PDB file of N, CA and C in Angstrom:
ATOM      1  N   MET A   1     -38.174 173.003 -76.103  1.00  0.00           N
ATOM      2  CA  MET A   1     -38.152 173.066 -77.298  1.00  0.00           C
ATOM      3  C   MET A   1     -37.496 171.805 -77.490  1.00  0.00           C
ATOM      4  N   ALA A   2     -36.454 170.970 -78.199  1.00  0.00           N
ATOM      5  CA  ALA A   2     -36.660 170.086 -78.022  1.00  0.00           C
ATOM      6  C   ALA A   2     -37.427 168.613 -78.011  1.00  0.00           C
ATOM      7  N   ARG A   3     -38.040 168.751 -76.390  1.00  0.00           N
ATOM      8  CA  ARG A   3     -39.333 167.948 -76.243  1.00  0.00           C
ATOM      9  C   ARG A   3     -39.522 167.893 -76.768  1.00  0.00           C
ATOM     10  N   ARG A   4     -40.282 168.858 -77.028  1.00  0.00           N
ATOM     11  CA  ARG A   4     -41.676 169.046 -78.125  1.00  0.00           C
ATOM     12  C   ARG A   4     -41.602 168.497 -79.614  1.00  0.00           C
ATOM     13  N   TYR A   5     -40.399 169.049 -79.936  1.00  0.00           N
ATOM     14  CA  TYR A   5     -40.275 168.151 -81.241  1.00  0.00           C
ATOM     15  C   TYR A   5     -39.721 167.114 -81.420  1.00  0.00           C
ATOM     16  N   VAL A   6     -39.869 166.897 -80.682  1.00  0.00           N
ATOM     17  CA  VAL A   6     -39.682 164.954 -79.094  1.00  0.00           C
ATOM     18  C   VAL A   6     -41.084 163.865 -80.361  1.00  0.00           C
ATOM     19  N   GLY A   7     -41.868 164.988 -79.226  1.00  0.00           N
ATOM     20  CA  GLY A   7     -42.985 164.460 -78.986  1.00  0.00           C
ATOM     21  C   GLY A   7     -44.385 165.079 -80.548  1.00  0.00           C
ATOM     22  N   THR A   8     -43.648 165.388 -81.124  1.00  0.00           N
ATOM     23  CA  THR A   8     -44.623 166.625 -82.258  1.00  0.00           C
ATOM     24  C   THR A   8     -44.420 164.876 -83.713  1.00  0.00           C
ATOM     25  N   ARG A   9     -42.870 164.705 -83.277  1.00  0.00           N
ATOM     26  CA  ARG A   9     -42.106 163.122 -84.325  1.00  0.00           C
ATOM     27  C   ARG A   9     -42.574 162.143 -83.805  1.00  0.00           C
ATOM     28  N   TRP A  10     -43.150 161.777 -82.602  1.00  0.00           N
ATOM     29  CA  TRP A  10     -43.800 160.291 -81.759  1.00  0.00           C
ATOM     30  C   TRP A  10     -45.611 160.497 -82.321  1.00  0.00           C
ATOM     31  N   SER A  11     -45.461 161.153 -82.292  1.00  0.00           N
ATOM     32  CA  SER A  11     -47.321 161.135 -82.809  1.00  0.00           C
ATOM     33  C   SER A  11     -47.937 160.632 -84.383  1.00  0.00           C
ATOM     34  N   PHE A  12     -46.502 161.990 -84.745  1.00  0.00           N
ATOM     35  CA  PHE A  12     -46.841 161.399 -86.122  1.00  0.00           C
ATOM     36  C   PHE A  12     -46.472 159.787 -86.748  1.00  0.00           C
ATOM     37  N   GLY A  13     -45.498 159.663 -86.449  1.00  0.00           N
ATOM     38  CA  GLY A  13     -44.447 157.884 -86.692  1.00  0.00           C
ATOM     39  C   GLY A  13     -46.502 157.622 -86.267  1.00  0.00           C
ATOM     40  N   LYS A  14     -46.803 157.721 -85.251  1.00  0.00           N
ATOM     41  CA  LYS A  14     -47.969 157.352 -84.903  1.00  0.00           C
ATOM     42  C   LYS A  14     -49.429 157.109 -85.711  1.00  0.00           C
ATOM     43  N   THR A  15     -49.305 158.061 -86.173  1.00  0.00           N
ATOM     44  CA  THR A  15     -50.767 158.144 -87.171  1.00  0.00           C
ATOM     45  C   THR A  15     -50.351 157.583 -88.029  1.00  0.00           C
ATOM     46  N   LEU A  16     -48.964 157.256 -88.615  1.00  0.00           N
ATOM     47  CA  LEU A  16     -48.262 156.466 -89.821  1.00  0.00           C
ATOM     48  C   LEU A  16     -48.865 155.248 -89.348  1.00  0.00           C
ATOM     49  N   ILE A  17     -48.393 154.578 -88.063  1.00  0.00           N
ATOM     50  CA  ILE A  17     -48.167 153.277 -87.225  1.00  0.00           C
ATOM     51  C   ILE A  17     -49.908 153.068 -88.104  1.00  0.00           C
ATOM     52  N   THR A  18     -50.383 154.314 -87.456  1.00  0.00           N
ATOM     53  CA  THR A  18     -52.419 153.597 -86.830  1.00  0.00           C
ATOM     54  C   THR A  18     -52.959 153.654 -88.799  1.00  0.00           C
ATOM     55  N   MET A  19     -52.781 154.568 -89.376  1.00  0.00           N
ATOM     56  CA  MET A  19     -53.243 154.796 -90.966  1.00  0.00           C
ATOM     57  C   MET A  19     -52.918 152.479 -91.419  1.00  0.00           C
ATOM     58  N   ALA A  20     -51.777 153.014 -91.424  1.00  0.00           N
ATOM     59  CA  ALA A  20     -50.721 151.652 -91.592  1.00  0.00           C
ATOM     60  C   ALA A  20     -51.370 150.054 -91.386  1.00  0.00           C
ATOM     61  N   ALA A  21     -52.338 150.236 -90.237  1.00  0.00           N
ATOM     62  CA  ALA A  21     -52.522 149.083 -89.551  1.00  0.00           C
ATOM     63  C   ALA A  21     -54.295 149.160 -90.275  1.00  0.00           C
ATOM     64  N   ILE A  22     -54.377 150.465 -89.895  1.00  0.00           N
ATOM     65  CA  ILE A  22     -55.960 150.991 -90.790  1.00  0.00           C
ATOM     66  C   ILE A  22     -56.496 149.478 -91.677  1.00  0.00           C
ATOM     67  N   SER A  23     -56.047 150.529 -92.352  1.00  0.00           N
ATOM     68  CA  SER A  23     -55.670 150.073 -93.892  1.00  0.00           C
ATOM     69  C   SER A  23     -55.605 148.650 -94.303  1.00  0.00           C
ATOM     70  N   LEU A  24     -54.869 148.304 -93.173  1.00  0.00           N
ATOM     71  CA  LEU A  24     -54.398 145.925 -93.329  1.00  0.00           C
ATOM     72  C   LEU A  24     -55.677 145.708 -92.741  1.00  0.00           C
ATOM     73  N   GLY A  25     -56.179 146.245 -91.971  1.00  0.00           N
ATOM     74  CA  GLY A  25     -56.768 145.470 -91.322  1.00  0.00           C
ATOM     75  C   GLY A  25     -58.256 146.308 -91.608  1.00  0.00           C
ATOM     76  N   LEU A  26     -58.531 147.079 -92.839  1.00  0.00           N
ATOM     77  CA  LEU A  26     -60.288 146.941 -93.554  1.00  0.00           C
ATOM     78  C   LEU A  26     -59.614 146.163 -94.134  1.00  0.00           C
ATOM     79  N   LEU A  27     -58.156 145.345 -95.223  1.00  0.00           N
ATOM     80  CA  LEU A  27     -58.738 144.568 -96.421  1.00  0.00           C
ATOM     81  C   LEU A  27     -58.738 143.183 -95.226  1.00  0.00           C
ATOM     82  N   VAL A  28     -58.576 142.910 -94.739  1.00  0.00           N
ATOM     83  CA  VAL A  28     -58.300 141.881 -94.136  1.00  0.00           C
ATOM     84  C   VAL A  28     -60.154 141.722 -93.406  1.00  0.00           C
ATOM     85  N   SER A  29     -60.817 142.652 -92.687  1.00  0.00           N
ATOM     86  CA  SER A  29     -61.354 142.496 -92.087  1.00  0.00           C
ATOM     87  C   SER A  29     -62.604 144.051 -91.317  1.00  0.00           C
ATOM     88  N   PRO A  30     -63.066 143.527 -93.193  1.00  0.00           N
ATOM     89  CA  PRO A  30     -63.919 145.140 -91.725  1.00  0.00           C
ATOM     90  C   PRO A  30     -64.733 145.408 -91.424  1.00  0.00           C
ATOM     91  N   ILE A  31     -65.514 145.098 -90.780  1.00  0.00           N
ATOM     92  CA  ILE A  31     -65.751 144.694 -89.249  1.00  0.00           C
ATOM     93  C   ILE A  31     -65.830 144.859 -87.796  1.00  0.00           C
ATOM     94  N   ILE A  32     -64.452 143.790 -87.635  1.00  0.00           N
ATOM     95  CA  ILE A  32     -63.449 144.147 -86.173  1.00  0.00           C
ATOM     96  C   ILE A  32     -62.378 145.328 -86.430  1.00  0.00           C
ATOM     97  N   THR A  33     -62.218 146.346 -87.643  1.00  0.00           N
ATOM     98  CA  THR A  33     -61.469 147.247 -87.298  1.00  0.00           C
ATOM     99  C   THR A  33     -62.489 148.508 -87.610  1.00  0.00           C
ATOM    100  N   THR A  34     -63.644 148.235 -88.212  1.00  0.00           N
ATOM    101  CA  THR A  34     -64.289 149.156 -87.780  1.00  0.00           C
ATOM    102  C   THR A  34     -64.643 149.521 -85.805  1.00  0.00           C
ATOM    103  N   SER A  35     -65.178 148.769 -85.375  1.00  0.00           N
ATOM    104  CA  SER A  35     -65.093 148.813 -84.236  1.00  0.00           C
ATOM    105  C   SER A  35     -64.045 148.599 -83.410  1.00  0.00           C
ATOM    106  N   ILE A  36     -62.864 148.600 -83.798  1.00  0.00           N
ATOM    107  CA  ILE A  36     -62.018 149.440 -83.321  1.00  0.00           C
ATOM    108  C   ILE A  36     -61.551 150.627 -83.075  1.00  0.00           C
ATOM    109  N   LEU A  37     -61.558 150.730 -84.486  1.00  0.00           N
ATOM    110  CA  LEU A  37     -61.801 152.294 -84.435  1.00  0.00           C
ATOM    111  C   LEU A  37     -62.371 153.262 -83.158  1.00  0.00           C
ATOM    112  N   VAL A  38     -64.131 152.763 -83.069  1.00  0.00           N
ATOM    113  CA  VAL A  38     -64.901 153.205 -82.542  1.00  0.00           C
ATOM    114  C   VAL A  38     -64.389 153.563 -81.046  1.00  0.00           C
ATOM    115  N   LEU A  39     -63.719 152.349 -80.684  1.00  0.00           N
ATOM    116  CA  LEU A  39     -63.416 152.716 -79.609  1.00  0.00           C
ATOM    117  C   LEU A  39     -62.587 153.496 -79.155  1.00  0.00           C
ATOM    118  N   VAL A  40     -61.615 153.573 -80.276  1.00  0.00           N
ATOM    119  CA  VAL A  40     -60.257 153.901 -80.137  1.00  0.00           C
ATOM    120  C   VAL A  40     -60.582 155.460 -80.043  1.00  0.00           C
ATOM    121  N   LEU A  41     -61.216 156.540 -80.848  1.00  0.00           N
ATOM    122  CA  LEU A  41     -61.859 157.140 -80.424  1.00  0.00           C
ATOM    123  C   LEU A  41     -62.706 156.872 -79.170  1.00  0.00           C
ATOM    124  N   VAL A  42     -63.321 156.762 -79.346  1.00  0.00           N
ATOM    125  CA  VAL A  42     -64.313 156.980 -77.488  1.00  0.00           C
ATOM    126  C   VAL A  42     -63.258 156.851 -77.162  1.00  0.00           C
ATOM    127  N   PHE A  43     -62.393 157.085 -77.030  1.00  0.00           N
ATOM    128  CA  PHE A  43     -61.201 156.318 -75.927  1.00  0.00           C
ATOM    129  C   PHE A  43     -60.605 158.074 -76.241  1.00  0.00           C
ATOM    130  N   SER A  44     -59.791 157.822 -76.854  1.00  0.00           N
ATOM    131  CA  SER A  44     -59.417 159.241 -77.537  1.00  0.00           C
ATOM    132  C   SER A  44     -60.056 160.886 -76.874  1.00  0.00           C
ATOM    133  N   VAL A  45     -61.653 160.704 -76.705  1.00  0.00           N
ATOM    134  CA  VAL A  45     -62.353 161.240 -77.024  1.00  0.00           C
ATOM    135  C   VAL A  45     -62.577 162.151 -75.203  1.00  0.00           C
ATOM    136  N   ARG A  46     -62.794 160.258 -74.562  1.00  0.00           N
ATOM    137  CA  ARG A  46     -62.866 160.982 -73.085  1.00  0.00           C
ATOM    138  C   ARG A  46     -61.637 160.935 -72.699  1.00  0.00           C
ATOM    139  N   HIS A  47     -60.281 160.937 -73.319  1.00  0.00           N
ATOM    140  CA  HIS A  47     -59.468 161.688 -72.402  1.00  0.00           C
ATOM    141  C   HIS A  47     -59.878 163.185 -73.033  1.00  0.00           C
ATOM    142  N   LEU A  48     -59.660 163.817 -73.986  1.00  0.00           N
ATOM    143  CA  LEU A  48     -59.369 164.615 -74.675  1.00  0.00           C
ATOM    144  C   LEU A  48     -60.870 165.535 -73.222  1.00  0.00           C
ATOM    145  N   LEU A  49     -61.006 165.309 -73.465  1.00  0.00           N
ATOM    146  CA  LEU A  49     -63.056 165.052 -72.211  1.00  0.00           C
ATOM    147  C   LEU A  49     -62.696 165.711 -70.697  1.00  0.00           C
ATOM    148  N   GLN A  50     -61.804 165.141 -70.582  1.00  0.00           N
ATOM    149  CA  GLN A  50     -60.629 164.161 -69.310  1.00  0.00           C
ATOM    150  C   GLN A  50     -60.092 166.420 -69.012  1.00  0.00           C
ATOM    151  N   GLN A  51     -58.915 165.990 -69.536  1.00  0.00           N
ATOM    152  CA  GLN A  51     -57.901 166.836 -69.784  1.00  0.00           C
ATOM    153  C   GLN A  51     -58.658 168.228 -69.679  1.00  0.00           C
ATOM    154  N   ARG A  52     -59.854 168.676 -70.252  1.00  0.00           N
ATOM    155  CA  ARG A  52     -60.307 170.061 -70.475  1.00  0.00           C
ATOM    156  C   ARG A  52     -61.266 170.052 -69.072  1.00  0.00           C
ATOM    157  N   ARG A  53     -61.519 169.271 -67.887  1.00  0.00           N
ATOM    158  CA  ARG A  53     -62.395 169.151 -66.796  1.00  0.00           C
ATOM    159  C   ARG A  53     -61.060 169.092 -66.105  1.00  0.00           C
ATOM    160  N   LEU A  54     -59.748 168.702 -65.771  1.00  0.00           N
ATOM    161  CA  LEU A  54     -59.216 169.410 -65.082  1.00  0.00           C
ATOM    162  C   LEU A  54     -58.758 170.259 -65.994  1.00  0.00           C
ATOM    163  N   ARG A  55     -58.122 171.657 -66.623  1.00  0.00           N
ATOM    164  CA  ARG A  55     -57.830 172.860 -66.869  1.00  0.00           C
ATOM    165  C   ARG A  55     -58.130 173.749 -65.932  1.00  0.00           C
ATOM    166  N   ARG A  56     -60.475 172.945 -65.720  1.00  0.00           N
ATOM    167  CA  ARG A  56     -61.495 174.021 -66.017  1.00  0.00           C
ATOM    168  C   ARG A  56     -61.217 173.810 -64.783  1.00  0.00           C
ATOM    169  N   ASP A  57     -60.678 171.927 -63.778  1.00  0.00           N
ATOM    170  CA  ASP A  57     -60.597 172.571 -61.920  1.00  0.00           C
ATOM    171  C   ASP A  57     -59.992 172.887 -61.593  1.00  0.00           C
ATOM    172  N   GLU A  58     -58.695 173.413 -62.638  1.00  0.00           N
ATOM    173  CA  GLU A  58     -57.066 174.649 -61.359  1.00  0.00           C
ATOM    174  C   GLU A  58     -57.488 175.410 -61.301  1.00  0.00           C
TER     175      GLU A  58
END
């Protein structure tokens, strides 16, 4: 229970940091920020797909 709570709080903090970084980056250079955003999205989707595949194999 406590561990899950810590995990959710950590992910919330990461989301806030990411949002702040994205807003700052958009102000500085939209092209670089969008490319980084695409990379992050691709990696997260790939990670989710890998987890799903592992679960299906079990």
